[in-house]
Amino acid sequence: MEKFGEIIYTPEVEEEVAISKRETHTPKIEVPEKVKVGEPFQVRVYIEEHPNTVQHSFRWIEVYFREDGRDFNPIFVARADLSPEISEQEVTFRMTLRKSGVIYALAYCNLHGVWENRMRVEVE
């Protein structure tokens, strides 16, 4: 039996059937590479060039943060539930960090499963 993490598709996916889906299913993350400790900054997670129909769409986006030096990770940050045809396949919010780490975005396509991307953020 596979662990859940083994069935999440990442940008490095090598499985033939999933390679063709990589560009339109991997969530994009817009976030500064460096932020100041305790200062809010904007995070945008979105999916480009993907259908948004009842039959085929992203239904949710979740964001987690893996803080450097923390014993138990990840930290849940946000979740957006998406309605096909009405909501856009993106979420924008603000967050504040005390330590550097990695932001993870997960997005669920009702036909092609859960896709992940990540970006490191340095706190100065």
PDB file of N, CA and C in Angstrom:
ATOM      1  N   MET A   1       0.846  -1.176   0.000  1.00  0.00           N
ATOM      2  CA  MET A   1       0.000   0.000   0.000  1.00  0.00           C
ATOM      3  C   MET A   1       0.893   1.242   0.000  1.00  0.00           C
ATOM      4  N   GLU A   2       0.595   2.190  -0.888  1.00  0.00           N
ATOM      5  CA  GLU A   2       1.406   3.408  -0.983  1.00  0.00           C
ATOM      6  C   GLU A   2       1.032   4.408   0.103  1.00  0.00           C
ATOM      7  N   LYS A   3       2.015   5.167   0.561  1.00  0.00           N
ATOM      8  CA  LYS A   3       1.760   6.284   1.466  1.00  0.00           C
ATOM      9  C   LYS A   3       1.149   7.408   0.644  1.00  0.00           C
ATOM     10  N   PHE A   4       0.369   8.260   1.290  1.00  0.00           N
ATOM     11  CA  PHE A   4      -0.303   9.347   0.569  1.00  0.00           C
ATOM     12  C   PHE A   4       0.705  10.207  -0.193  1.00  0.00           C
ATOM     13  N   GLY A   5       1.837  10.497   0.430  1.00  0.00           N
ATOM     14  CA  GLY A   5       2.854  11.319  -0.223  1.00  0.00           C
ATOM     15  C   GLY A   5       3.386  10.716  -1.513  1.00  0.00           C
ATOM     16  N   GLU A   6       3.265   9.413  -1.658  1.00  0.00           N
ATOM     17  CA  GLU A   6       3.749   8.740  -2.864  1.00  0.00           C
ATOM     18  C   GLU A   6       2.774   8.833  -4.032  1.00  0.00           C
ATOM     19  N   ILE A   7       1.541   9.268  -3.773  1.00  0.00           N
ATOM     20  CA  ILE A   7       0.567   9.380  -4.856  1.00  0.00           C
ATOM     21  C   ILE A   7       0.262  10.836  -5.211  1.00  0.00           C
ATOM     22  N   ILE A   8       1.018  11.764  -4.628  1.00  0.00           N
ATOM     23  CA  ILE A   8       0.906  13.176  -4.980  1.00  0.00           C
ATOM     24  C   ILE A   8       1.895  13.456  -6.100  1.00  0.00           C
ATOM     25  N   TYR A   9       1.425  14.113  -7.143  1.00  0.00           N
ATOM     26  CA  TYR A   9       2.291  14.442  -8.276  1.00  0.00           C
ATOM     27  C   TYR A   9       3.063  15.721  -7.977  1.00  0.00           C
ATOM     28  N   THR A  10       4.352  15.714  -8.302  1.00  0.00           N
ATOM     29  CA  THR A  10       5.224  16.870  -8.073  1.00  0.00           C
ATOM     30  C   THR A  10       5.773  17.351  -9.407  1.00  0.00           C
ATOM     31  N   PRO A  11       6.439  18.520  -9.433  1.00  0.00           N
ATOM     32  CA  PRO A  11       7.018  18.999 -10.698  1.00  0.00           C
ATOM     33  C   PRO A  11       8.036  18.027 -11.287  1.00  0.00           C
ATOM     34  N   GLU A  12       8.600  17.163 -10.477  1.00  0.00           N
ATOM     35  CA  GLU A  12       9.607  16.217 -10.958  1.00  0.00           C
ATOM     36  C   GLU A  12       8.989  14.902 -11.448  1.00  0.00           C
ATOM     37  N   VAL A  13       7.693  14.845 -11.577  1.00  0.00           N
ATOM     38  CA  VAL A  13       7.004  13.612 -11.944  1.00  0.00           C
ATOM     39  C   VAL A  13       7.630  12.986 -13.198  1.00  0.00           C
ATOM     40  N   GLU A  14       7.844  11.690 -13.130  1.00  0.00           N
ATOM     41  CA  GLU A  14       8.446  10.976 -14.258  1.00  0.00           C
ATOM     42  C   GLU A  14       7.504   9.935 -14.850  1.00  0.00           C
ATOM     43  N   GLU A  15       6.388   9.722 -14.210  1.00  0.00           N
ATOM     44  CA  GLU A  15       5.414   8.749 -14.687  1.00  0.00           C
ATOM     45  C   GLU A  15       4.871   9.213 -16.042  1.00  0.00           C
ATOM     46  N   GLU A  16       4.979   8.377 -17.058  1.00  0.00           N
ATOM     47  CA  GLU A  16       4.630   8.777 -18.422  1.00  0.00           C
ATOM     48  C   GLU A  16       3.253   9.416 -18.545  1.00  0.00           C
ATOM     49  N   VAL A  17       2.280   8.809 -17.941  1.00  0.00           N
ATOM     50  CA  VAL A  17       0.922   9.320 -18.075  1.00  0.00           C
ATOM     51  C   VAL A  17       0.773  10.709 -17.448  1.00  0.00           C
ATOM     52  N   ALA A  18       1.557  11.022 -16.426  1.00  0.00           N
ATOM     53  CA  ALA A  18       1.441  12.298 -15.726  1.00  0.00           C
ATOM     54  C   ALA A  18       2.328  13.393 -16.316  1.00  0.00           C
ATOM     55  N   ILE A  19       3.366  13.029 -17.051  1.00  0.00           N
ATOM     56  CA  ILE A  19       4.268  14.035 -17.615  1.00  0.00           C
ATOM     57  C   ILE A  19       3.500  15.039 -18.468  1.00  0.00           C
ATOM     58  N   SER A  20       2.557  14.568 -19.258  1.00  0.00           N
ATOM     59  CA  SER A  20       1.801  15.459 -20.133  1.00  0.00           C
ATOM     60  C   SER A  20       0.880  16.391 -19.362  1.00  0.00           C
ATOM     61  N   LYS A  21       0.606  16.085 -18.121  1.00  0.00           N
ATOM     62  CA  LYS A  21      -0.292  16.909 -17.291  1.00  0.00           C
ATOM     63  C   LYS A  21       0.476  17.918 -16.427  1.00  0.00           C
ATOM     64  N   ARG A  22       1.790  17.781 -16.355  1.00  0.00           N
ATOM     65  CA  ARG A  22       2.613  18.566 -15.426  1.00  0.00           C
ATOM     66  C   ARG A  22       2.384  20.065 -15.560  1.00  0.00           C
ATOM     67  N   GLU A  23       2.445  20.609 -16.765  1.00  0.00           N
ATOM     68  CA  GLU A  23       2.362  22.067 -16.956  1.00  0.00           C
ATOM     69  C   GLU A  23       1.002  22.635 -16.574  1.00  0.00           C
ATOM     70  N   THR A  24      -0.066  21.908 -16.860  1.00  0.00           N
ATOM     71  CA  THR A  24      -1.399  22.449 -16.586  1.00  0.00           C
ATOM     72  C   THR A  24      -1.959  22.046 -15.231  1.00  0.00           C
ATOM     73  N   HIS A  25      -1.227  21.229 -14.474  1.00  0.00           N
ATOM     74  CA  HIS A  25      -1.739  20.769 -13.190  1.00  0.00           C
ATOM     75  C   HIS A  25      -0.884  21.161 -11.982  1.00  0.00           C
ATOM     76  N   THR A  26       0.386  21.431 -12.185  1.00  0.00           N
ATOM     77  CA  THR A  26       1.242  21.825 -11.065  1.00  0.00           C
ATOM     78  C   THR A  26       0.871  23.233 -10.624  1.00  0.00           C
ATOM     79  N   PRO A  27       0.495  23.420  -9.356  1.00  0.00           N
ATOM     80  CA  PRO A  27       0.154  24.773  -8.901  1.00  0.00           C
ATOM     81  C   PRO A  27       1.377  25.689  -8.959  1.00  0.00           C
ATOM     82  N   LYS A  28       1.155  26.918  -9.389  1.00  0.00           N
ATOM     83  CA  LYS A  28       2.210  27.931  -9.415  1.00  0.00           C
ATOM     84  C   LYS A  28       2.145  28.698  -8.099  1.00  0.00           C
ATOM     85  N   ILE A  29       3.320  29.077  -7.583  1.00  0.00           N
ATOM     86  CA  ILE A  29       3.393  29.824  -6.328  1.00  0.00           C
ATOM     87  C   ILE A  29       4.125  31.134  -6.600  1.00  0.00           C
ATOM     88  N   GLU A  30       3.492  32.247  -6.252  1.00  0.00           N
ATOM     89  CA  GLU A  30       4.155  33.553  -6.308  1.00  0.00           C
ATOM     90  C   GLU A  30       4.347  34.024  -4.874  1.00  0.00           C
ATOM     91  N   VAL A  31       5.608  34.174  -4.496  1.00  0.00           N
ATOM     92  CA  VAL A  31       5.953  34.594  -3.143  1.00  0.00           C
ATOM     93  C   VAL A  31       7.358  35.192  -3.202  1.00  0.00           C
ATOM     94  N   PRO A  32       7.665  36.199  -2.381  1.00  0.00           N
ATOM     95  CA  PRO A  32       9.033  36.724  -2.384  1.00  0.00           C
ATOM     96  C   PRO A  32      10.020  35.646  -1.922  1.00  0.00           C
ATOM     97  N   GLU A  33      11.234  35.670  -2.470  1.00  0.00           N
ATOM     98  CA  GLU A  33      12.272  34.725  -2.039  1.00  0.00           C
ATOM     99  C   GLU A  33      12.790  35.069  -0.647  1.00  0.00           C
ATOM    100  N   LYS A  34      12.755  36.370  -0.310  1.00  0.00           N
ATOM    101  CA  LYS A  34      13.192  36.833   1.013  1.00  0.00           C
ATOM    102  C   LYS A  34      12.132  37.752   1.597  1.00  0.00           C
ATOM    103  N   VAL A  35      11.871  37.569   2.898  1.00  0.00           N
ATOM    104  CA  VAL A  35      10.916  38.417   3.614  1.00  0.00           C
ATOM    105  C   VAL A  35      11.537  38.844   4.935  1.00  0.00           C
ATOM    106  N   LYS A  36      10.993  39.884   5.524  1.00  0.00           N
ATOM    107  CA  LYS A  36      11.475  40.358   6.820  1.00  0.00           C
ATOM    108  C   LYS A  36      10.700  39.653   7.929  1.00  0.00           C
ATOM    109  N   VAL A  37      11.410  39.311   8.997  1.00  0.00           N
ATOM    110  CA  VAL A  37      10.799  38.625  10.124  1.00  0.00           C
ATOM    111  C   VAL A  37       9.603  39.424  10.643  1.00  0.00           C
ATOM    112  N   GLY A  38       8.469  38.748  10.785  1.00  0.00           N
ATOM    113  CA  GLY A  38       7.279  39.365  11.356  1.00  0.00           C
ATOM    114  C   GLY A  38       6.521  40.305  10.441  1.00  0.00           C
ATOM    115  N   GLU A  39       6.969  40.524   9.208  1.00  0.00           N
ATOM    116  CA  GLU A  39       6.267  41.415   8.278  1.00  0.00           C
ATOM    117  C   GLU A  39       5.387  40.608   7.337  1.00  0.00           C
ATOM    118  N   PRO A  40       4.103  40.964   7.240  1.00  0.00           N
ATOM    119  CA  PRO A  40       3.211  40.232   6.336  1.00  0.00           C
ATOM    120  C   PRO A  40       3.661  40.367   4.878  1.00  0.00           C
ATOM    121  N   PHE A  41       3.454  39.305   4.129  1.00  0.00           N
ATOM    122  CA  PHE A  41       3.738  39.315   2.695  1.00  0.00           C
ATOM    123  C   PHE A  41       2.649  38.519   1.986  1.00  0.00           C
ATOM    124  N   GLN A  42       2.528  38.756   0.695  1.00  0.00           N
ATOM    125  CA  GLN A  42       1.470  38.126  -0.093  1.00  0.00           C
ATOM    126  C   GLN A  42       1.935  36.818  -0.714  1.00  0.00           C
ATOM    127  N   VAL A  43       1.022  35.843  -0.714  1.00  0.00           N
ATOM    128  CA  VAL A  43       1.236  34.550  -1.351  1.00  0.00           C
ATOM    129  C   VAL A  43       0.103  34.348  -2.351  1.00  0.00           C
ATOM    130  N   ARG A  44       0.459  33.978  -3.572  1.00  0.00           N
ATOM    131  CA  ARG A  44      -0.543  33.668  -4.597  1.00  0.00           C
ATOM    132  C   ARG A  44      -0.268  32.260  -5.118  1.00  0.00           C
ATOM    133  N   VAL A  45      -1.295  31.419  -5.113  1.00  0.00           N
ATOM    134  CA  VAL A  45      -1.204  30.070  -5.658  1.00  0.00           C
ATOM    135  C   VAL A  45      -2.292  29.955  -6.723  1.00  0.00           C
ATOM    136  N   TYR A  46      -1.904  29.468  -7.906  1.00  0.00           N
ATOM    137  CA  TYR A  46      -2.869  29.400  -8.999  1.00  0.00           C
ATOM    138  C   TYR A  46      -2.506  28.276  -9.974  1.00  0.00           C
ATOM    139  N   ILE A  47      -3.482  27.907 -10.773  1.00  0.00           N
ATOM    140  CA  ILE A  47      -3.288  26.904 -11.814  1.00  0.00           C
ATOM    141  C   ILE A  47      -3.614  27.577 -13.133  1.00  0.00           C
ATOM    142  N   GLU A  48      -2.692  27.455 -14.102  1.00  0.00           N
ATOM    143  CA  GLU A  48      -2.864  28.097 -15.405  1.00  0.00           C
ATOM    144  C   GLU A  48      -3.337  27.113 -16.457  1.00  0.00           C
ATOM    145  N   GLU A  49      -4.071  27.641 -17.432  1.00  0.00           N
ATOM    146  CA  GLU A  49      -4.426  26.896 -18.647  1.00  0.00           C
ATOM    147  C   GLU A  49      -5.038  25.530 -18.353  1.00  0.00           C
ATOM    148  N   HIS A  50      -5.958  25.507 -17.435  1.00  0.00           N
ATOM    149  CA  HIS A  50      -6.622  24.261 -17.062  1.00  0.00           C
ATOM    150  C   HIS A  50      -8.126  24.454 -17.179  1.00  0.00           C
ATOM    151  N   PRO A  51      -8.863  23.452 -17.654  1.00  0.00           N
ATOM    152  CA  PRO A  51     -10.323  23.589 -17.716  1.00  0.00           C
ATOM    153  C   PRO A  51     -10.920  23.915 -16.347  1.00  0.00           C
ATOM    154  N   ASN A  52     -12.045  24.592 -16.369  1.00  0.00           N
ATOM    155  CA  ASN A  52     -12.750  24.921 -15.133  1.00  0.00           C
ATOM    156  C   ASN A  52     -14.233  24.600 -15.329  1.00  0.00           C
ATOM    157  N   THR A  53     -14.489  23.334 -15.663  1.00  0.00           N
ATOM    158  CA  THR A  53     -15.854  22.879 -15.904  1.00  0.00           C
ATOM    159  C   THR A  53     -16.276  21.922 -14.802  1.00  0.00           C
ATOM    160  N   VAL A  54     -17.553  21.631 -14.753  1.00  0.00           N
ATOM    161  CA  VAL A  54     -18.051  20.663 -13.776  1.00  0.00           C
ATOM    162  C   VAL A  54     -17.375  19.311 -14.005  1.00  0.00           C
ATOM    163  N   GLN A  55     -17.152  18.969 -15.266  1.00  0.00           N
ATOM    164  CA  GLN A  55     -16.566  17.676 -15.586  1.00  0.00           C
ATOM    165  C   GLN A  55     -15.067  17.597 -15.269  1.00  0.00           C
ATOM    166  N   HIS A  56     -14.362  18.732 -15.293  1.00  0.00           N
ATOM    167  CA  HIS A  56     -12.900  18.724 -15.130  1.00  0.00           C
ATOM    168  C   HIS A  56     -12.443  20.072 -14.565  1.00  0.00           C
ATOM    169  N   SER A  57     -12.045  20.068 -13.310  1.00  0.00           N
ATOM    170  CA  SER A  57     -11.595  21.319 -12.680  1.00  0.00           C
ATOM    171  C   SER A  57     -10.849  21.018 -11.385  1.00  0.00           C
ATOM    172  N   PHE A  58     -10.167  22.048 -10.884  1.00  0.00           N
ATOM    173  CA  PHE A  58      -9.556  21.965  -9.560  1.00  0.00           C
ATOM    174  C   PHE A  58     -10.621  22.308  -8.531  1.00  0.00           C
ATOM    175  N   ARG A  59     -10.691  21.499  -7.476  1.00  0.00           N
ATOM    176  CA  ARG A  59     -11.739  21.660  -6.473  1.00  0.00           C
ATOM    177  C   ARG A  59     -11.243  22.291  -5.186  1.00  0.00           C
ATOM    178  N   TRP A  60      -9.932  22.216  -4.925  1.00  0.00           N
ATOM    179  CA  TRP A  60      -9.392  22.901  -3.744  1.00  0.00           C
ATOM    180  C   TRP A  60      -7.909  23.144  -3.902  1.00  0.00           C
ATOM    181  N   ILE A  61      -7.434  24.132  -3.148  1.00  0.00           N
ATOM    182  CA  ILE A  61      -6.008  24.446  -3.027  1.00  0.00           C
ATOM    183  C   ILE A  61      -5.712  24.537  -1.535  1.00  0.00           C
ATOM    184  N   GLU A  62      -4.640  23.875  -1.095  1.00  0.00           N
ATOM    185  CA  GLU A  62      -4.195  23.963   0.291  1.00  0.00           C
ATOM    186  C   GLU A  62      -2.749  24.428   0.328  1.00  0.00           C
ATOM    187  N   VAL A  63      -2.413  25.161   1.384  1.00  0.00           N
ATOM    188  CA  VAL A  63      -1.048  25.665   1.550  1.00  0.00           C
ATOM    189  C   VAL A  63      -0.546  25.268   2.936  1.00  0.00           C
ATOM    190  N   TYR A  64       0.711  24.800   2.959  1.00  0.00           N
ATOM    191  CA  TYR A  64       1.386  24.396   4.188  1.00  0.00           C
ATOM    192  C   TYR A  64       2.751  25.070   4.240  1.00  0.00           C
ATOM    193  N   PHE A  65       3.306  25.148   5.440  1.00  0.00           N
ATOM    194  CA  PHE A  65       4.632  25.719   5.616  1.00  0.00           C
ATOM    195  C   PHE A  65       5.472  24.769   6.453  1.00  0.00           C
ATOM    196  N   ARG A  66       6.662  24.448   5.952  1.00  0.00           N
ATOM    197  CA  ARG A  66       7.623  23.618   6.701  1.00  0.00           C
ATOM    198  C   ARG A  66       8.697  24.542   7.245  1.00  0.00           C
ATOM    199  N   GLU A  67       8.607  24.833   8.537  1.00  0.00           N
ATOM    200  CA  GLU A  67       9.496  25.791   9.188  1.00  0.00           C
ATOM    201  C   GLU A  67      10.823  25.135   9.555  1.00  0.00           C
ATOM    202  N   ASP A  68      11.925  25.794   9.201  1.00  0.00           N
ATOM    203  CA  ASP A  68      13.256  25.292   9.552  1.00  0.00           C
ATOM    204  C   ASP A  68      13.380  25.135  11.070  1.00  0.00           C
ATOM    205  N   GLY A  69      13.914  23.997  11.505  1.00  0.00           N
ATOM    206  CA  GLY A  69      14.198  23.784  12.918  1.00  0.00           C
ATOM    207  C   GLY A  69      13.014  23.369  13.766  1.00  0.00           C
ATOM    208  N   ARG A  70      11.855  23.286  13.205  1.00  0.00           N
ATOM    209  CA  ARG A  70      10.655  22.894  13.957  1.00  0.00           C
ATOM    210  C   ARG A  70      10.586  21.371  14.018  1.00  0.00           C
ATOM    211  N   ASP A  71      10.268  20.842  15.184  1.00  0.00           N
ATOM    212  CA  ASP A  71      10.202  19.391  15.350  1.00  0.00           C
ATOM    213  C   ASP A  71       9.062  18.754  14.557  1.00  0.00           C
ATOM    214  N   PHE A  72       7.901  19.366  14.566  1.00  0.00           N
ATOM    215  CA  PHE A  72       6.748  18.775  13.893  1.00  0.00           C
ATOM    216  C   PHE A  72       6.270  19.704  12.783  1.00  0.00           C
ATOM    217  N   ASN A  73       6.356  19.224  11.572  1.00  0.00           N
ATOM    218  CA  ASN A  73       5.964  19.956  10.381  1.00  0.00           C
ATOM    219  C   ASN A  73       5.055  19.060   9.554  1.00  0.00           C
ATOM    220  N   PRO A  74       4.296  19.595   8.634  1.00  0.00           N
ATOM    221  CA  PRO A  74       4.186  20.995   8.255  1.00  0.00           C
ATOM    222  C   PRO A  74       3.119  21.713   9.081  1.00  0.00           C
ATOM    223  N   ILE A  75       3.083  23.027   8.924  1.00  0.00           N
ATOM    224  CA  ILE A  75       2.072  23.873   9.549  1.00  0.00           C
ATOM    225  C   ILE A  75       1.004  24.159   8.495  1.00  0.00           C
ATOM    226  N   PHE A  76      -0.257  23.879   8.803  1.00  0.00           N
ATOM    227  CA  PHE A  76      -1.353  24.212   7.890  1.00  0.00           C
ATOM    228  C   PHE A  76      -1.503  25.727   7.838  1.00  0.00           C
ATOM    229  N   VAL A  77      -1.590  26.294   6.626  1.00  0.00           N
ATOM    230  CA  VAL A  77      -1.696  27.745   6.470  1.00  0.00           C
ATOM    231  C   VAL A  77      -3.076  28.162   5.964  1.00  0.00           C
ATOM    232  N   ALA A  78      -3.544  27.547   4.874  1.00  0.00           N
ATOM    233  CA  ALA A  78      -4.802  27.995   4.283  1.00  0.00           C
ATOM    234  C   ALA A  78      -5.391  26.928   3.374  1.00  0.00           C
ATOM    235  N   ARG A  79      -6.700  27.045   3.155  1.00  0.00           N
ATOM    236  CA  ARG A  79      -7.399  26.175   2.199  1.00  0.00           C
ATOM    237  C   ARG A  79      -8.480  26.988   1.506  1.00  0.00           C
ATOM    238  N   ALA A  80      -8.581  26.786   0.197  1.00  0.00           N
ATOM    239  CA  ALA A  80      -9.655  27.401  -0.580  1.00  0.00           C
ATOM    240  C   ALA A  80     -10.400  26.283  -1.289  1.00  0.00           C
ATOM    241  N   ASP A  81     -11.706  26.198  -1.059  1.00  0.00           N
ATOM    242  CA  ASP A  81     -12.557  25.259  -1.790  1.00  0.00           C
ATOM    243  C   ASP A  81     -13.066  25.983  -3.027  1.00  0.00           C
ATOM    244  N   LEU A  82     -12.984  25.329  -4.167  1.00  0.00           N
ATOM    245  CA  LEU A  82     -13.284  25.968  -5.447  1.00  0.00           C
ATOM    246  C   LEU A  82     -14.514  25.340  -6.096  1.00  0.00           C
ATOM    247  N   SER A  83     -15.364  26.177  -6.633  1.00  0.00           N
ATOM    248  CA  SER A  83     -16.542  25.717  -7.363  1.00  0.00           C
ATOM    249  C   SER A  83     -16.273  25.810  -8.849  1.00  0.00           C
ATOM    250  N   PRO A  84     -16.487  24.737  -9.600  1.00  0.00           N
ATOM    251  CA  PRO A  84     -16.242  24.799 -11.033  1.00  0.00           C
ATOM    252  C   PRO A  84     -17.120  25.850 -11.703  1.00  0.00           C
ATOM    253  N   GLU A  85     -16.573  26.465 -12.725  1.00  0.00           N
ATOM    254  CA  GLU A  85     -17.215  27.456 -13.572  1.00  0.00           C
ATOM    255  C   GLU A  85     -17.412  28.814 -12.897  1.00  0.00           C
ATOM    256  N   ILE A  86     -17.421  28.875 -11.572  1.00  0.00           N
ATOM    257  CA  ILE A  86     -17.692  30.137 -10.873  1.00  0.00           C
ATOM    258  C   ILE A  86     -16.422  30.718 -10.276  1.00  0.00           C
ATOM    259  N   SER A  87     -15.729  29.950  -9.453  1.00  0.00           N
ATOM    260  CA  SER A  87     -14.516  30.461  -8.814  1.00  0.00           C
ATOM    261  C   SER A  87     -13.316  30.251  -9.728  1.00  0.00           C
ATOM    262  N   GLU A  88     -12.388  31.182  -9.648  1.00  0.00           N
ATOM    263  CA  GLU A  88     -11.139  31.042 -10.385  1.00  0.00           C
ATOM    264  C   GLU A  88     -10.265  30.035  -9.656  1.00  0.00           C
ATOM    265  N   GLN A  89      -9.356  29.421 -10.367  1.00  0.00           N
ATOM    266  CA  GLN A  89      -8.506  28.384  -9.792  1.00  0.00           C
ATOM    267  C   GLN A  89      -7.249  29.018  -9.208  1.00  0.00           C
ATOM    268  N   GLU A  90      -7.465  29.882  -8.213  1.00  0.00           N
ATOM    269  CA  GLU A  90      -6.353  30.547  -7.539  1.00  0.00           C
ATOM    270  C   GLU A  90      -6.789  31.055  -6.186  1.00  0.00           C
ATOM    271  N   VAL A  91      -5.787  31.300  -5.339  1.00  0.00           N
ATOM    272  CA  VAL A  91      -6.019  31.871  -4.016  1.00  0.00           C
ATOM    273  C   VAL A  91      -4.869  32.831  -3.718  1.00  0.00           C
ATOM    274  N   THR A  92      -5.199  33.964  -3.103  1.00  0.00           N
ATOM    275  CA  THR A  92      -4.206  34.947  -2.685  1.00  0.00           C
ATOM    276  C   THR A  92      -4.485  35.286  -1.222  1.00  0.00           C
ATOM    277  N   PHE A  93      -3.450  35.304  -0.421  1.00  0.00           N
ATOM    278  CA  PHE A  93      -3.597  35.640   0.999  1.00  0.00           C
ATOM    279  C   PHE A  93      -2.269  36.186   1.502  1.00  0.00           C
ATOM    280  N   ARG A  94      -2.268  36.636   2.750  1.00  0.00           N
ATOM    281  CA  ARG A  94      -1.051  37.166   3.374  1.00  0.00           C
ATOM    282  C   ARG A  94      -0.653  36.249   4.519  1.00  0.00           C
ATOM    283  N   MET A  95       0.659  36.154   4.729  1.00  0.00           N
ATOM    284  CA  MET A  95       1.148  35.395   5.871  1.00  0.00           C
ATOM    285  C   MET A  95       2.360  36.095   6.465  1.00  0.00           C
ATOM    286  N   THR A  96       2.723  35.699   7.681  1.00  0.00           N
ATOM    287  CA  THR A  96       3.832  36.280   8.421  1.00  0.00           C
ATOM    288  C   THR A  96       4.695  35.140   8.943  1.00  0.00           C
ATOM    289  N   LEU A  97       6.009  35.270   8.775  1.00  0.00           N
ATOM    290  CA  LEU A  97       6.915  34.210   9.227  1.00  0.00           C
ATOM    291  C   LEU A  97       7.923  34.737  10.241  1.00  0.00           C
ATOM    292  N   ARG A  98       8.364  33.861  11.108  1.00  0.00           N
ATOM    293  CA  ARG A  98       9.424  34.154  12.077  1.00  0.00           C
ATOM    294  C   ARG A  98      10.726  33.456  11.680  1.00  0.00           C
ATOM    295  N   LYS A  99      10.603  32.356  10.911  1.00  0.00           N
ATOM    296  CA  LYS A  99      11.767  31.579  10.491  1.00  0.00           C
ATOM    297  C   LYS A  99      11.644  31.220   9.022  1.00  0.00           C
ATOM    298  N   SER A 100      12.766  30.943   8.398  1.00  0.00           N
ATOM    299  CA  SER A 100      12.793  30.507   7.006  1.00  0.00           C
ATOM    300  C   SER A 100      12.182  29.119   6.886  1.00  0.00           C
ATOM    301  N   GLY A 101      11.828  28.761   5.652  1.00  0.00           N
ATOM    302  CA  GLY A 101      11.278  27.439   5.416  1.00  0.00           C
ATOM    303  C   GLY A 101      10.749  27.306   4.005  1.00  0.00           C
ATOM    304  N   VAL A 102       9.898  26.313   3.814  1.00  0.00           N
ATOM    305  CA  VAL A 102       9.371  25.996   2.488  1.00  0.00           C
ATOM    306  C   VAL A 102       7.845  26.067   2.520  1.00  0.00           C
ATOM    307  N   ILE A 103       7.288  26.787   1.549  1.00  0.00           N
ATOM    308  CA  ILE A 103       5.845  26.841   1.354  1.00  0.00           C
ATOM    309  C   ILE A 103       5.478  25.743   0.364  1.00  0.00           C
ATOM    310  N   TYR A 104       4.499  24.928   0.729  1.00  0.00           N
ATOM    311  CA  TYR A 104       3.998  23.856  -0.127  1.00  0.00           C
ATOM    312  C   TYR A 104       2.577  24.188  -0.546  1.00  0.00           C
ATOM    313  N   ALA A 105       2.281  24.018  -1.814  1.00  0.00           N
ATOM    314  CA  ALA A 105       0.925  24.182  -2.318  1.00  0.00           C
ATOM    315  C   ALA A 105       0.452  22.843  -2.863  1.00  0.00           C
ATOM    316  N   LEU A 106      -0.720  22.415  -2.446  1.00  0.00           N
ATOM    317  CA  LEU A 106      -1.367  21.222  -2.966  1.00  0.00           C
ATOM    318  C   LEU A 106      -2.649  21.659  -3.671  1.00  0.00           C
ATOM    319  N   ALA A 107      -2.944  21.033  -4.800  1.00  0.00           N
ATOM    320  CA  ALA A 107      -4.171  21.356  -5.522  1.00  0.00           C
ATOM    321  C   ALA A 107      -4.771  20.057  -6.052  1.00  0.00           C
ATOM    322  N   TYR A 108      -6.100  19.931  -5.935  1.00  0.00           N
ATOM    323  CA  TYR A 108      -6.780  18.699  -6.313  1.00  0.00           C
ATOM    324  C   TYR A 108      -7.604  18.880  -7.578  1.00  0.00           C
ATOM    325  N   CYS A 109      -7.230  18.140  -8.624  1.00  0.00           N
ATOM    326  CA  CYS A 109      -7.996  18.072  -9.870  1.00  0.00           C
ATOM    327  C   CYS A 109      -8.918  16.865  -9.774  1.00  0.00           C
ATOM    328  N   ASN A 110     -10.196  17.060 -10.060  1.00  0.00           N
ATOM    329  CA  ASN A 110     -11.152  15.963  -9.891  1.00  0.00           C
ATOM    330  C   ASN A 110     -10.889  14.787 -10.838  1.00  0.00           C
ATOM    331  N   LEU A 111     -10.124  14.982 -11.907  1.00  0.00           N
ATOM    332  CA  LEU A 111      -9.804  13.874 -12.813  1.00  0.00           C
ATOM    333  C   LEU A 111      -8.378  13.346 -12.658  1.00  0.00           C
ATOM    334  N   HIS A 112      -7.445  14.199 -12.232  1.00  0.00           N
ATOM    335  CA  HIS A 112      -6.028  13.827 -12.279  1.00  0.00           C
ATOM    336  C   HIS A 112      -5.325  13.873 -10.931  1.00  0.00           C
ATOM    337  N   GLY A 113      -6.072  13.929  -9.836  1.00  0.00           N
ATOM    338  CA  GLY A 113      -5.482  13.779  -8.518  1.00  0.00           C
ATOM    339  C   GLY A 113      -4.877  15.028  -7.907  1.00  0.00           C
ATOM    340  N   VAL A 114      -4.007  14.806  -6.923  1.00  0.00           N
ATOM    341  CA  VAL A 114      -3.409  15.879  -6.132  1.00  0.00           C
ATOM    342  C   VAL A 114      -2.021  16.205  -6.689  1.00  0.00           C
ATOM    343  N   TRP A 115      -1.789  17.500  -6.886  1.00  0.00           N
ATOM    344  CA  TRP A 115      -0.523  18.007  -7.428  1.00  0.00           C
ATOM    345  C   TRP A 115       0.104  18.950  -6.426  1.00  0.00           C
ATOM    346  N   GLU A 116       1.437  18.918  -6.362  1.00  0.00           N
ATOM    347  CA  GLU A 116       2.174  19.715  -5.373  1.00  0.00           C
ATOM    348  C   GLU A 116       3.241  20.550  -6.050  1.00  0.00           C
ATOM    349  N   ASN A 117       3.485  21.712  -5.451  1.00  0.00           N
ATOM    350  CA  ASN A 117       4.653  22.516  -5.782  1.00  0.00           C
ATOM    351  C   ASN A 117       5.156  23.119  -4.487  1.00  0.00           C
ATOM    352  N   ARG A 118       6.366  23.654  -4.499  1.00  0.00           N
ATOM    353  CA  ARG A 118       6.954  24.211  -3.270  1.00  0.00           C
ATOM    354  C   ARG A 118       7.925  25.317  -3.621  1.00  0.00           C
ATOM    355  N   MET A 119       8.111  26.219  -2.654  1.00  0.00           N
ATOM    356  CA  MET A 119       9.052  27.313  -2.831  1.00  0.00           C
ATOM    357  C   MET A 119       9.651  27.680  -1.489  1.00  0.00           C
ATOM    358  N   ARG A 120      10.949  27.837  -1.476  1.00  0.00           N
ATOM    359  CA  ARG A 120      11.666  28.225  -0.258  1.00  0.00           C
ATOM    360  C   ARG A 120      11.558  29.726  -0.050  1.00  0.00           C
ATOM    361  N   VAL A 121      11.382  30.126   1.219  1.00  0.00           N
ATOM    362  CA  VAL A 121      11.335  31.531   1.605  1.00  0.00           C
ATOM    363  C   VAL A 121      12.347  31.741   2.719  1.00  0.00           C
ATOM    364  N   GLU A 122      13.239  32.696   2.522  1.00  0.00           N
ATOM    365  CA  GLU A 122      14.244  33.051   3.533  1.00  0.00           C
ATOM    366  C   GLU A 122      13.732  34.232   4.352  1.00  0.00           C
ATOM    367  N   VAL A 123      13.835  34.134   5.667  1.00  0.00           N
ATOM    368  CA  VAL A 123      13.437  35.214   6.575  1.00  0.00           C
ATOM    369  C   VAL A 123      14.695  35.923   7.041  1.00  0.00           C
ATOM    370  N   GLU A 124      14.698  37.240   6.884  1.00  0.00           N
ATOM    371  CA  GLU A 124      15.853  38.046   7.301  1.00  0.00           C
ATOM    372  C   GLU A 124      15.563  38.802   8.573  1.00  0.00           C
TER     373      GLU A 124
END
